[in-house]
Amino acid sequence: MPPAANVCSWRTSHRPCTCPRTLARDIERLQSSGVPITTHRGRGGGVSMSSIGPLPPIALDLPEVGALMSSLAVLGPSVSESATSAMGKLTAALNAASPDGADQQR
């Protein structure tokens, strides 16, 4: 399995509306909630998530899907390929679960 890609925290913290302290606090919150994130110091360092292979299906209720979509909207649903993919999957699942199915797409 390929190693997880590092995200350079310095480069990320220099994007608009992000400061290094905010990024460090967010990473600490994720780590303390059990998310397998590793920080790498020094040149070429950054933040990575452990590669664990494919995840099993996850059952989410409507409020949980709403929370994830809201978080992605704040982050910016097109900030990365992963964010875009996640938003697309959540939207498709909502459309498929609606009474009208895919006919309800905008």
Protein backbone atom coordinates (compact mmCIF):
# COMPACT_ATOMS: atom_id res chain seq x y z
CA MET A 1 0.00 0.00 0.00
CA PRO A 2 1.47 3.42 -0.90
CA PRO A 3 2.39 5.72 1.96
CA ALA A 4 0.05 8.59 2.73
CA ALA A 5 0.92 11.86 1.04
CA ASN A 6 2.11 14.67 3.29
CA VAL A 7 0.36 18.02 3.22
CA CYS A 8 2.78 20.81 3.98
CA SER A 9 1.35 22.62 6.99
CA TRP A 10 3.46 25.75 6.38
CA ARG A 11 2.14 26.09 2.83
CA THR A 12 -1.43 25.40 4.00
CA SER A 13 -1.19 27.94 6.80
CA HIS A 14 -0.20 30.63 4.33
CA ARG A 15 -3.40 30.29 2.32
CA PRO A 16 -5.90 33.12 2.82
CA CYS A 17 -7.79 33.02 6.16
CA THR A 18 -5.54 30.37 7.71
CA CYS A 19 -2.91 30.94 10.35
CA PRO A 20 -0.37 28.45 11.71
CA ARG A 21 -1.96 28.46 15.19
CA THR A 22 -5.40 27.65 13.73
CA LEU A 23 -3.95 24.81 11.69
CA ALA A 24 -2.06 23.41 14.69
CA ARG A 25 -5.19 23.62 16.85
CA ASP A 26 -7.31 21.86 14.21
CA ILE A 27 -4.74 19.09 13.81
CA GLU A 28 -4.59 18.64 17.60
CA ARG A 29 -8.40 18.42 17.78
CA LEU A 30 -8.46 15.78 15.04
CA GLN A 31 -5.72 13.76 16.74
CA SER A 32 -7.45 13.91 20.14
CA SER A 33 -10.71 12.73 18.56
CA GLY A 34 -8.96 9.62 17.26
CA VAL A 35 -8.21 10.57 13.65
CA PRO A 36 -4.95 8.80 12.67
CA ILE A 37 -2.99 11.93 11.73
CA THR A 38 0.78 12.12 12.00
CA THR A 39 2.80 15.34 11.98
CA HIS A 40 6.25 15.42 10.40
CA ARG A 41 8.62 18.19 11.41
CA GLY A 42 11.39 19.77 9.41
CA ARG A 43 12.02 20.28 5.73
CA GLY A 44 9.57 18.25 3.68
CA GLY A 45 7.44 17.74 6.77
CA GLY A 46 3.75 18.30 7.10
CA VAL A 47 0.72 16.31 8.08
CA SER A 48 -0.36 12.91 6.84
CA MET A 49 -3.13 10.46 7.50
CA SER A 50 -2.20 6.82 7.91
CA SER A 51 -2.89 4.62 4.89
CA ILE A 52 -5.18 1.88 6.10
CA GLY A 53 -6.72 0.58 2.90
CA PRO A 54 -10.31 0.82 1.74
CA LEU A 55 -12.88 1.69 4.37
CA PRO A 56 -15.97 -0.40 4.95
CA PRO A 57 -19.34 1.18 4.04
CA ILE A 58 -20.40 3.83 6.52
CA ALA A 59 -24.07 4.36 7.38
CA LEU A 60 -24.86 8.00 8.10
CA ASP A 61 -28.18 9.54 9.05
CA LEU A 62 -29.42 12.79 7.52
CA PRO A 63 -28.07 15.10 10.27
CA GLU A 64 -24.62 13.46 9.95
CA VAL A 65 -24.65 13.93 6.17
CA GLY A 66 -25.70 17.55 6.72
CA ALA A 67 -22.84 18.09 9.16
CA LEU A 68 -20.31 16.68 6.71
CA MET A 69 -21.69 18.73 3.81
CA SER A 70 -21.68 21.89 5.95
CA SER A 71 -18.06 21.25 6.93
CA LEU A 72 -17.10 20.73 3.30
CA ALA A 73 -18.93 23.92 2.32
CA VAL A 74 -16.95 25.91 4.92
CA LEU A 75 -13.70 24.28 3.82
CA GLY A 76 -14.52 24.82 0.19
CA PRO A 77 -15.92 21.80 -1.64
CA SER A 78 -13.43 22.26 -4.46
CA VAL A 79 -10.34 22.90 -2.29
CA SER A 80 -9.01 19.45 -3.16
CA GLU A 81 -9.87 16.41 -5.24
CA SER A 82 -10.84 14.59 -2.03
CA ALA A 83 -13.23 17.37 -0.95
CA THR A 84 -14.82 17.50 -4.41
CA SER A 85 -15.19 13.73 -4.50
CA ALA A 86 -16.66 13.59 -0.99
CA MET A 87 -19.20 16.33 -1.74
CA GLY A 88 -20.18 14.56 -4.97
CA LYS A 89 -20.69 11.23 -3.18
CA LEU A 90 -22.74 12.82 -0.40
CA THR A 91 -24.90 14.71 -2.91
CA ALA A 92 -25.43 11.58 -5.03
CA ALA A 93 -26.41 9.59 -1.94
CA LEU A 94 -28.93 12.25 -0.90
CA ASN A 95 -30.39 12.39 -4.40
CA ALA A 96 -30.64 8.60 -4.59
CA ALA A 97 -32.36 8.46 -1.18
CA SER A 98 -34.89 11.20 -1.97
CA PRO A 99 -38.42 10.17 -2.95
CA ASP A 100 -37.85 11.47 -6.50
CA GLY A 101 -34.41 9.84 -6.78
CA ALA A 102 -32.06 11.33 -9.36
CA ASP A 103 -34.91 13.40 -10.88
CA GLN A 104 -34.39 15.95 -8.10
CA GLN A 105 -30.93 17.04 -9.29
CA ARG A 106 -30.58 20.74 -10.14
